[in-house]
C-alpha atoms as a PDB file:
ATOM      1  CA  MET A   1    -108.435 190.168  76.225  1.00  0.00           C
ATOM      2  CA  VAL A   2    -109.756 188.711  79.481  1.00  0.00           C
ATOM      3  CA  THR A   3    -110.090 191.400  82.147  1.00  0.00           C
ATOM      4  CA  GLU A   4    -109.918 190.969  85.902  1.00  0.00           C
ATOM      5  CA  THR A   5    -113.678 191.548  86.009  1.00  0.00           C
ATOM      6  CA  ASP A   6    -114.178 188.742  83.476  1.00  0.00           C
ATOM      7  CA  VAL A   7    -112.087 186.404  85.593  1.00  0.00           C
ATOM      8  CA  ARG A   8    -113.994 187.181  88.780  1.00  0.00           C
ATOM      9  CA  ARG A   9    -117.347 186.753  87.035  1.00  0.00           C
ATOM     10  CA  ALA A  10    -116.336 183.410  85.517  1.00  0.00           C
ATOM     11  CA  LEU A  11    -114.945 182.074  88.781  1.00  0.00           C
ATOM     12  CA  ARG A  12    -118.165 182.992  90.582  1.00  0.00           C
ATOM     13  CA  GLY A  13    -120.146 181.290  87.830  1.00  0.00           C
ATOM     14  CA  LEU A  14    -118.236 178.041  88.251  1.00  0.00           C
ATOM     15  CA  GLU A  15    -119.389 177.940  91.882  1.00  0.00           C
ATOM     16  CA  HIS A  16    -123.019 178.908  91.259  1.00  0.00           C
ATOM     17  CA  GLU A  17    -125.757 176.655  92.679  1.00  0.00           C
ATOM     18  CA  ASP A  18    -127.525 176.514  89.304  1.00  0.00           C
ATOM     19  CA  ALA A  19    -125.934 173.897  87.023  1.00  0.00           C
ATOM     20  CA  SER A  20    -126.921 175.835  83.890  1.00  0.00           C
ATOM     21  CA  VAL A  21    -124.989 178.856  85.181  1.00  0.00           C
ATOM     22  CA  ARG A  22    -121.967 176.665  85.868  1.00  0.00           C
ATOM     23  CA  LEU A  23    -122.233 175.251  82.360  1.00  0.00           C
ATOM     24  CA  ARG A  24    -122.283 178.714  80.795  1.00  0.00           C
ATOM     25  CA  ALA A  25    -119.338 179.780  82.933  1.00  0.00           C
ATOM     26  CA  ALA A  26    -117.285 176.780  81.828  1.00  0.00           C
ATOM     27  CA  LEU A  27    -118.193 177.514  78.198  1.00  0.00           C
ATOM     28  CA  ALA A  28    -117.099 181.128  78.610  1.00  0.00           C
ATOM     29  CA  VAL A  29    -113.824 180.088  80.220  1.00  0.00           C
ATOM     30  CA  GLY A  30    -113.070 177.694  77.381  1.00  0.00           C
ATOM     31  CA  THR A  31    -114.016 180.253  74.758  1.00  0.00           C
ATOM     32  CA  HIS A  32    -111.692 182.843  76.300  1.00  0.00           C
ATOM     33  CA  PRO A  33    -108.910 180.805  77.983  1.00  0.00           C
ATOM     34  CA  ASP A  34    -106.664 182.432  80.518  1.00  0.00           C
ATOM     35  CA  ALA A  35    -104.036 181.090  82.917  1.00  0.00           C
ATOM     36  CA  GLU A  36    -106.103 182.400  85.821  1.00  0.00           C
ATOM     37  CA  PHE A  37    -108.791 179.813  85.119  1.00  0.00           C
ATOM     38  CA  VAL A  38    -106.784 176.577  85.139  1.00  0.00           C
ATOM     39  CA  GLY A  39    -106.701 175.950  88.878  1.00  0.00           C
ATOM     40  CA  ALA A  40    -110.401 176.749  89.289  1.00  0.00           C
ATOM     41  CA  LEU A  41    -111.374 174.447  86.411  1.00  0.00           C
ATOM     42  CA  ILE A  42    -109.444 171.541  87.881  1.00  0.00           C
ATOM     43  CA  GLU A  43    -110.781 172.134  91.368  1.00  0.00           C
ATOM     44  CA  ARG A  44    -114.354 172.367  90.114  1.00  0.00           C
ATOM     45  CA  SER A  45    -113.923 169.168  88.117  1.00  0.00           C
ATOM     46  CA  ALA A  46    -113.120 167.340  91.348  1.00  0.00           C
ATOM     47  CA  VAL A  47    -116.477 168.185  92.937  1.00  0.00           C
ATOM     48  CA  GLU A  48    -118.914 168.955  90.092  1.00  0.00           C
ATOM     49  CA  PRO A  49    -121.957 166.654  90.416  1.00  0.00           C
ATOM     50  CA  GLU A  50    -123.406 167.119  86.909  1.00  0.00           C
ATOM     51  CA  PHE A  51    -121.935 165.047  84.079  1.00  0.00           C
ATOM     52  CA  TYR A  52    -122.616 167.593  81.343  1.00  0.00           C
ATOM     53  CA  VAL A  53    -120.936 170.351  83.362  1.00  0.00           C
ATOM     54  CA  ARG A  54    -117.914 168.124  84.022  1.00  0.00           C
ATOM     55  CA  ASP A  55    -117.699 167.486  80.290  1.00  0.00           C
ATOM     56  CA  MET A  56    -117.656 171.221  79.614  1.00  0.00           C
ATOM     57  CA  LEU A  57    -114.991 171.723  82.275  1.00  0.00           C
ATOM     58  CA  THR A  58    -112.829 169.145  80.527  1.00  0.00           C
ATOM     59  CA  TRP A  59    -113.352 170.904  77.205  1.00  0.00           C
ATOM     60  CA  ALA A  60    -112.409 174.226  78.779  1.00  0.00           C
ATOM     61  CA  LEU A  61    -109.199 172.732  80.125  1.00  0.00           C
ATOM     62  CA  THR A  62    -108.249 171.378  76.706  1.00  0.00           C
ATOM     63  CA  ARG A  63    -108.547 174.929  75.374  1.00  0.00           C
ATOM     64  CA  HIS A  64    -105.683 176.038  77.599  1.00  0.00           C
ATOM     65  CA  PRO A  65    -101.993 175.437  76.821  1.00  0.00           C
ATOM     66  CA  ALA A  66    -100.755 172.015  77.932  1.00  0.00           C
ATOM     67  CA  ALA A  67     -97.821 173.729  79.614  1.00  0.00           C
ATOM     68  CA  LEU A  68    -100.342 175.181  82.085  1.00  0.00           C
ATOM     69  CA  THR A  69    -102.749 172.270  82.472  1.00  0.00           C
ATOM     70  CA  LEU A  70    -100.520 169.199  82.341  1.00  0.00           C
ATOM     71  CA  PRO A  71     -98.556 169.744  85.592  1.00  0.00           C
ATOM     72  CA  GLU A  72    -101.723 170.404  87.590  1.00  0.00           C
ATOM     73  CA  LEU A  73    -103.560 167.451  86.087  1.00  0.00           C
ATOM     74  CA  LEU A  74    -100.666 165.124  86.854  1.00  0.00           C
ATOM     75  CA  ALA A  75    -100.722 166.276  90.446  1.00  0.00           C
ATOM     76  CA  GLU A  76    -104.505 165.809  90.605  1.00  0.00           C
ATOM     77  CA  VAL A  77    -104.191 162.163  89.525  1.00  0.00           C
ATOM     78  CA  ARG A  78    -102.575 161.546  92.933  1.00  0.00           C
ATOM     79  CA  SER A  79    -105.462 163.136  94.839  1.00  0.00           C
ATOM     80  CA  GLU A  80    -107.202 161.245  97.636  1.00  0.00           C
ATOM     81  CA  ARG A  81    -110.556 162.234  96.082  1.00  0.00           C
ATOM     82  CA  ALA A  82    -111.796 159.628  93.622  1.00  0.00           C
ATOM     83  CA  GLN A  83    -113.615 162.107  91.376  1.00  0.00           C
ATOM     84  CA  ALA A  84    -110.524 164.291  91.228  1.00  0.00           C
ATOM     85  CA  ARG A  85    -108.472 161.325  90.013  1.00  0.00           C
ATOM     86  CA  SER A  86    -111.128 160.229  87.552  1.00  0.00           C
ATOM     87  CA  GLN A  87    -111.659 163.659  86.010  1.00  0.00           C
ATOM     88  CA  ALA A  88    -107.945 164.378  85.763  1.00  0.00           C
ATOM     89  CA  LEU A  89    -107.421 161.078  83.948  1.00  0.00           C
ATOM     90  CA  HIS A  90    -110.368 161.797  81.665  1.00  0.00           C
ATOM     91  CA  THR A  91    -108.923 165.194  80.769  1.00  0.00           C
ATOM     92  CA  LEU A  92    -105.481 163.702  80.171  1.00  0.00           C
ATOM     93  CA  SER A  93    -107.048 161.263  77.718  1.00  0.00           C
ATOM     94  CA  LYS A  94    -108.576 164.204  75.861  1.00  0.00           C
ATOM     95  CA  LEU A  95    -105.282 166.106  75.799  1.00  0.00           C
ATOM     96  CA  GLY A  96    -103.507 163.033  74.416  1.00  0.00           C
ATOM     97  CA  ASP A  97    -100.072 164.260  75.507  1.00  0.00           C
ATOM     98  CA  ARG A  98     -97.874 161.180  75.915  1.00  0.00           C
ATOM     99  CA  ALA A  99     -95.715 163.042  78.411  1.00  0.00           C
ATOM    100  CA  ALA A 100     -98.456 162.057  80.877  1.00  0.00           C
ATOM    101  CA  TRP A 101     -97.928 158.312  80.366  1.00  0.00           C
ATOM    102  CA  PRO A 102     -95.696 157.782  83.460  1.00  0.00           C
ATOM    103  CA  VAL A 103     -98.593 158.790  85.743  1.00  0.00           C
ATOM    104  CA  ILE A 104    -100.621 155.758  84.576  1.00  0.00           C
ATOM    105  CA  THR A 105     -99.455 153.354  87.251  1.00  0.00           C
ATOM    106  CA  PRO A 106    -100.551 149.755  87.910  1.00  0.00           C
ATOM    107  CA  ALA A 107    -102.252 151.053  91.055  1.00  0.00           C
ATOM    108  CA  LEU A 108    -104.431 153.406  88.983  1.00  0.00           C
ATOM    109  CA  LEU A 109    -105.314 150.680  86.493  1.00  0.00           C
ATOM    110  CA  ALA A 110    -106.500 148.587  89.443  1.00  0.00           C
ATOM    111  CA  ASP A 111    -107.987 151.465  91.464  1.00  0.00           C
ATOM    112  CA  ALA A 112    -110.691 150.289  93.865  1.00  0.00           C
ATOM    113  CA  ASP A 113    -113.046 152.988  92.561  1.00  0.00           C
ATOM    114  CA  ASP A 114    -114.607 151.783  89.310  1.00  0.00           C
ATOM    115  CA  GLU A 115    -114.868 155.244  87.769  1.00  0.00           C
ATOM    116  CA  VAL A 116    -111.208 155.962  88.438  1.00  0.00           C
ATOM    117  CA  ALA A 117    -110.193 152.610  86.976  1.00  0.00           C
ATOM    118  CA  ARG A 118    -112.356 153.146  83.877  1.00  0.00           C
ATOM    119  CA  SER A 119    -110.840 156.596  83.326  1.00  0.00           C
ATOM    120  CA  ALA A 120    -107.362 155.127  83.785  1.00  0.00           C
ATOM    121  CA  TRP A 121    -108.055 152.409  81.218  1.00  0.00           C
ATOM    122  CA  ARG A 122    -109.251 154.923  78.643  1.00  0.00           C
ATOM    123  CA  ALA A 123    -106.338 157.274  79.286  1.00  0.00           C
ATOM    124  CA  ALA A 124    -103.809 154.439  79.184  1.00  0.00           C
ATOM    125  CA  VAL A 125    -104.912 153.320  75.723  1.00  0.00           C
ATOM    126  CA  VAL A 126    -104.489 156.859  74.402  1.00  0.00           C
ATOM    127  CA  LEU A 127    -101.159 157.595  76.092  1.00  0.00           C
ATOM    128  CA  VAL A 128     -99.272 154.284  76.015  1.00  0.00           C
ATOM    129  CA  PRO A 129     -96.051 154.214  73.963  1.00  0.00           C
ATOM    130  CA  ASP A 130     -96.068 151.576  71.245  1.00  0.00           C
ATOM    131  CA  ASP A 131     -93.369 149.456  72.873  1.00  0.00           C
ATOM    132  CA  GLU A 132     -95.338 149.240  76.147  1.00  0.00           C
ATOM    133  CA  ARG A 133     -98.620 148.085  74.643  1.00  0.00           C
ATOM    134  CA  PRO A 134     -98.106 144.366  75.498  1.00  0.00           C
ATOM    135  CA  GLU A 135     -97.372 145.236  79.126  1.00  0.00           C
ATOM    136  CA  LEU A 136    -100.474 147.423  79.275  1.00  0.00           C
ATOM    137  CA  ALA A 137    -102.539 144.636  77.718  1.00  0.00           C
ATOM    138  CA  ALA A 138    -101.415 142.286  80.489  1.00  0.00           C
ATOM    139  CA  ALA A 139    -102.242 144.847  83.187  1.00  0.00           C
ATOM    140  CA  LEU A 140    -105.713 145.435  81.735  1.00  0.00           C
ATOM    141  CA  ALA A 141    -106.361 141.725  81.300  1.00  0.00           C
ATOM    142  CA  ALA A 142    -105.671 141.266  84.994  1.00  0.00           C
ATOM    143  CA  GLN A 143    -108.903 143.210  85.603  1.00  0.00           C
ATOM    144  CA  LEU A 144    -111.084 140.938  83.447  1.00  0.00           C
ATOM    145  CA  GLY A 145    -114.200 139.801  85.267  1.00  0.00           C
ATOM    146  CA  ARG A 146    -114.303 142.924  87.420  1.00  0.00           C
ATOM    147  CA  GLY A 147    -117.500 144.842  88.179  1.00  0.00           C
ATOM    148  CA  GLY A 148    -120.835 145.006  86.420  1.00  0.00           C
ATOM    149  CA  ARG A 149    -121.837 145.343  82.796  1.00  0.00           C
ATOM    150  CA  ASP A 150    -120.656 148.955  82.276  1.00  0.00           C
ATOM    151  CA  VAL A 151    -117.275 148.349  83.896  1.00  0.00           C
ATOM    152  CA  ARG A 152    -116.689 145.227  81.829  1.00  0.00           C
ATOM    153  CA  LEU A 153    -117.727 146.956  78.633  1.00  0.00           C
ATOM    154  CA  SER A 154    -115.264 149.777  79.337  1.00  0.00           C
ATOM    155  CA  LEU A 155    -112.467 147.281  79.916  1.00  0.00           C
ATOM    156  CA  SER A 156    -113.292 145.320  76.761  1.00  0.00           C
ATOM    157  CA  ARG A 157    -113.295 148.515  74.714  1.00  0.00           C
ATOM    158  CA  ALA A 158    -109.940 149.549  76.126  1.00  0.00           C
ATOM    159  CA  LEU A 159    -108.435 146.152  75.359  1.00  0.00           C
ATOM    160  CA  VAL A 160    -109.885 146.013  71.839  1.00  0.00           C
ATOM    161  CA  ALA A 161    -108.456 149.470  71.148  1.00  0.00           C
ATOM    162  CA  LEU A 162    -104.979 148.014  71.667  1.00  0.00           C
ATOM    163  CA  GLY A 163    -105.494 145.544  68.824  1.00  0.00           C
ATOM    164  CA  GLU A 164    -103.943 142.118  68.283  1.00  0.00           C
ATOM    165  CA  VAL A 165    -101.333 142.698  70.974  1.00  0.00           C
ATOM    166  CA  ILE A 166    -103.969 141.712  73.546  1.00  0.00           C
ATOM    167  CA  MET A 167    -104.303 138.116  72.362  1.00  0.00           C
ATOM    168  CA  PRO A 168    -101.651 136.498  74.626  1.00  0.00           C
ATOM    169  CA  ALA A 169    -103.157 138.234  77.671  1.00  0.00           C
ATOM    170  CA  LEU A 170    -106.689 137.190  76.695  1.00  0.00           C
ATOM    171  CA  ARG A 171    -105.673 133.587  76.167  1.00  0.00           C
ATOM    172  CA  ALA A 172    -103.973 133.520  79.547  1.00  0.00           C
ATOM    173  CA  ALA A 173    -107.075 134.987  81.191  1.00  0.00           C
ATOM    174  CA  ALA A 174    -109.255 132.378  79.492  1.00  0.00           C
ATOM    175  CA  THR A 175    -107.447 129.677  81.508  1.00  0.00           C
ATOM    176  CA  ARG A 176    -108.165 131.179  84.917  1.00  0.00           C
ATOM    177  CA  PRO A 177    -110.106 129.018  87.361  1.00  0.00           C
ATOM    178  CA  GLY A 178    -113.138 131.291  87.871  1.00  0.00           C
ATOM    179  CA  PRO A 179    -115.778 131.650  85.121  1.00  0.00           C
ATOM    180  CA  GLU A 180    -116.134 135.456  85.289  1.00  0.00           C
ATOM    181  CA  ALA A 181    -112.672 136.342  83.968  1.00  0.00           C
ATOM    182  CA  ARG A 182    -112.794 133.525  81.401  1.00  0.00           C
ATOM    183  CA  THR A 183    -116.168 134.650  80.095  1.00  0.00           C
ATOM    184  CA  HIS A 184    -115.028 138.267  79.903  1.00  0.00           C
ATOM    185  CA  ALA A 185    -111.813 137.291  78.100  1.00  0.00           C
ATOM    186  CA  ILE A 186    -113.649 135.212  75.498  1.00  0.00           C
ATOM    187  CA  ALA A 187    -116.237 137.942  74.961  1.00  0.00           C
ATOM    188  CA  THR A 188    -113.476 140.513  74.481  1.00  0.00           C
ATOM    189  CA  GLU A 189    -111.780 138.308  71.899  1.00  0.00           C
ATOM    190  CA  ARG A 190    -115.099 138.031  70.051  1.00  0.00           C
ATOM    191  CA  LEU A 191    -115.346 141.828  69.986  1.00  0.00           C
ATOM    192  CA  LEU A 192    -111.793 142.073  68.682  1.00  0.00           C
ATOM    193  CA  ARG A 193    -112.616 139.638  65.868  1.00  0.00           C
ATOM    194  CA  ASP A 194    -115.996 141.190  65.105  1.00  0.00           C
ATOM    195  CA  PRO A 195    -116.185 144.871  66.117  1.00  0.00           C
ATOM    196  CA  ASP A 196    -119.821 145.013  65.031  1.00  0.00           C
ATOM    197  CA  ALA A 197    -120.855 142.296  67.475  1.00  0.00           C
ATOM    198  CA  GLY A 198    -122.786 143.657  70.429  1.00  0.00           C
ATOM    199  CA  PHE A 199    -121.270 143.279  73.874  1.00  0.00           C
ATOM    200  CA  GLU A 200    -124.272 141.405  75.246  1.00  0.00           C
ATOM    201  CA  SER A 201    -124.270 138.864  72.429  1.00  0.00           C
ATOM    202  CA  ALA A 202    -120.514 138.375  72.791  1.00  0.00           C
ATOM    203  CA  VAL A 203    -120.956 137.745  76.522  1.00  0.00           C
ATOM    204  CA  GLU A 204    -123.797 135.278  75.947  1.00  0.00           C
ATOM    205  CA  GLU A 205    -121.724 133.357  73.429  1.00  0.00           C
ATOM    206  CA  ALA A 206    -118.779 133.362  75.829  1.00  0.00           C
ATOM    207  CA  LYS A 207    -120.988 132.027  78.619  1.00  0.00           C
ATOM    208  CA  ARG A 208    -122.041 129.110  76.443  1.00  0.00           C
ATOM    209  CA  ILE A 209    -118.436 128.312  75.607  1.00  0.00           C
ATOM    210  CA  VAL A 210    -117.391 128.408  79.262  1.00  0.00           C
ATOM    211  CA  ALA A 211    -120.371 126.278  80.299  1.00  0.00           C
ATOM    212  CA  LEU A 212    -119.315 123.667  77.759  1.00  0.00           C
ATOM    213  CA  GLY A 213    -115.776 123.712  79.099  1.00  0.00           C
ATOM    214  CA  GLY A 214    -114.256 125.417  76.097  1.00  0.00           C
ATOM    215  CA  ARG A 215    -112.038 128.436  75.622  1.00  0.00           C
END
């Protein structure tokens, strides 16, 4: 049983200046979940600078009942703070509760912050109902050509995870006027056809095809 003293100690630990202390506090909270911790875990996730601590905070949240975490996470997705949105989406993807699907809006999938968008893409693939997969594929394909290497890799992975349903959206993207989206679409199709192909090699092949005027 978690005592009031335990709760106070854990909450102080989550705010400690030493990242290792924060990590241990998050581990303790996840090992002994209690409703008192949910709000503090979500709030800390929104501001925590260390990746490995954020990962432990997410794990701790998944250890709590969805009835407690889901409503607060859904509210956090609408936060004005980019990290709050990103971490809430990341945690929702780990929970895998499809009741969260309605929060994955077109605006989130196209969020101006790359980390929020990447988290939204990953969460969308996990949460999307089967009959909405083609619509999601089209929304994701609209982002092809966005950002740098890591952003594009995240988008390609999300699209490939949807399977063959992405092909109409990829073929449409491959006809766009600019080379960036076309190259990204062709590379993503290569990854769908050959999951063992590396992203860089798929992109290089796609660049050659685009340069030669192909699709």
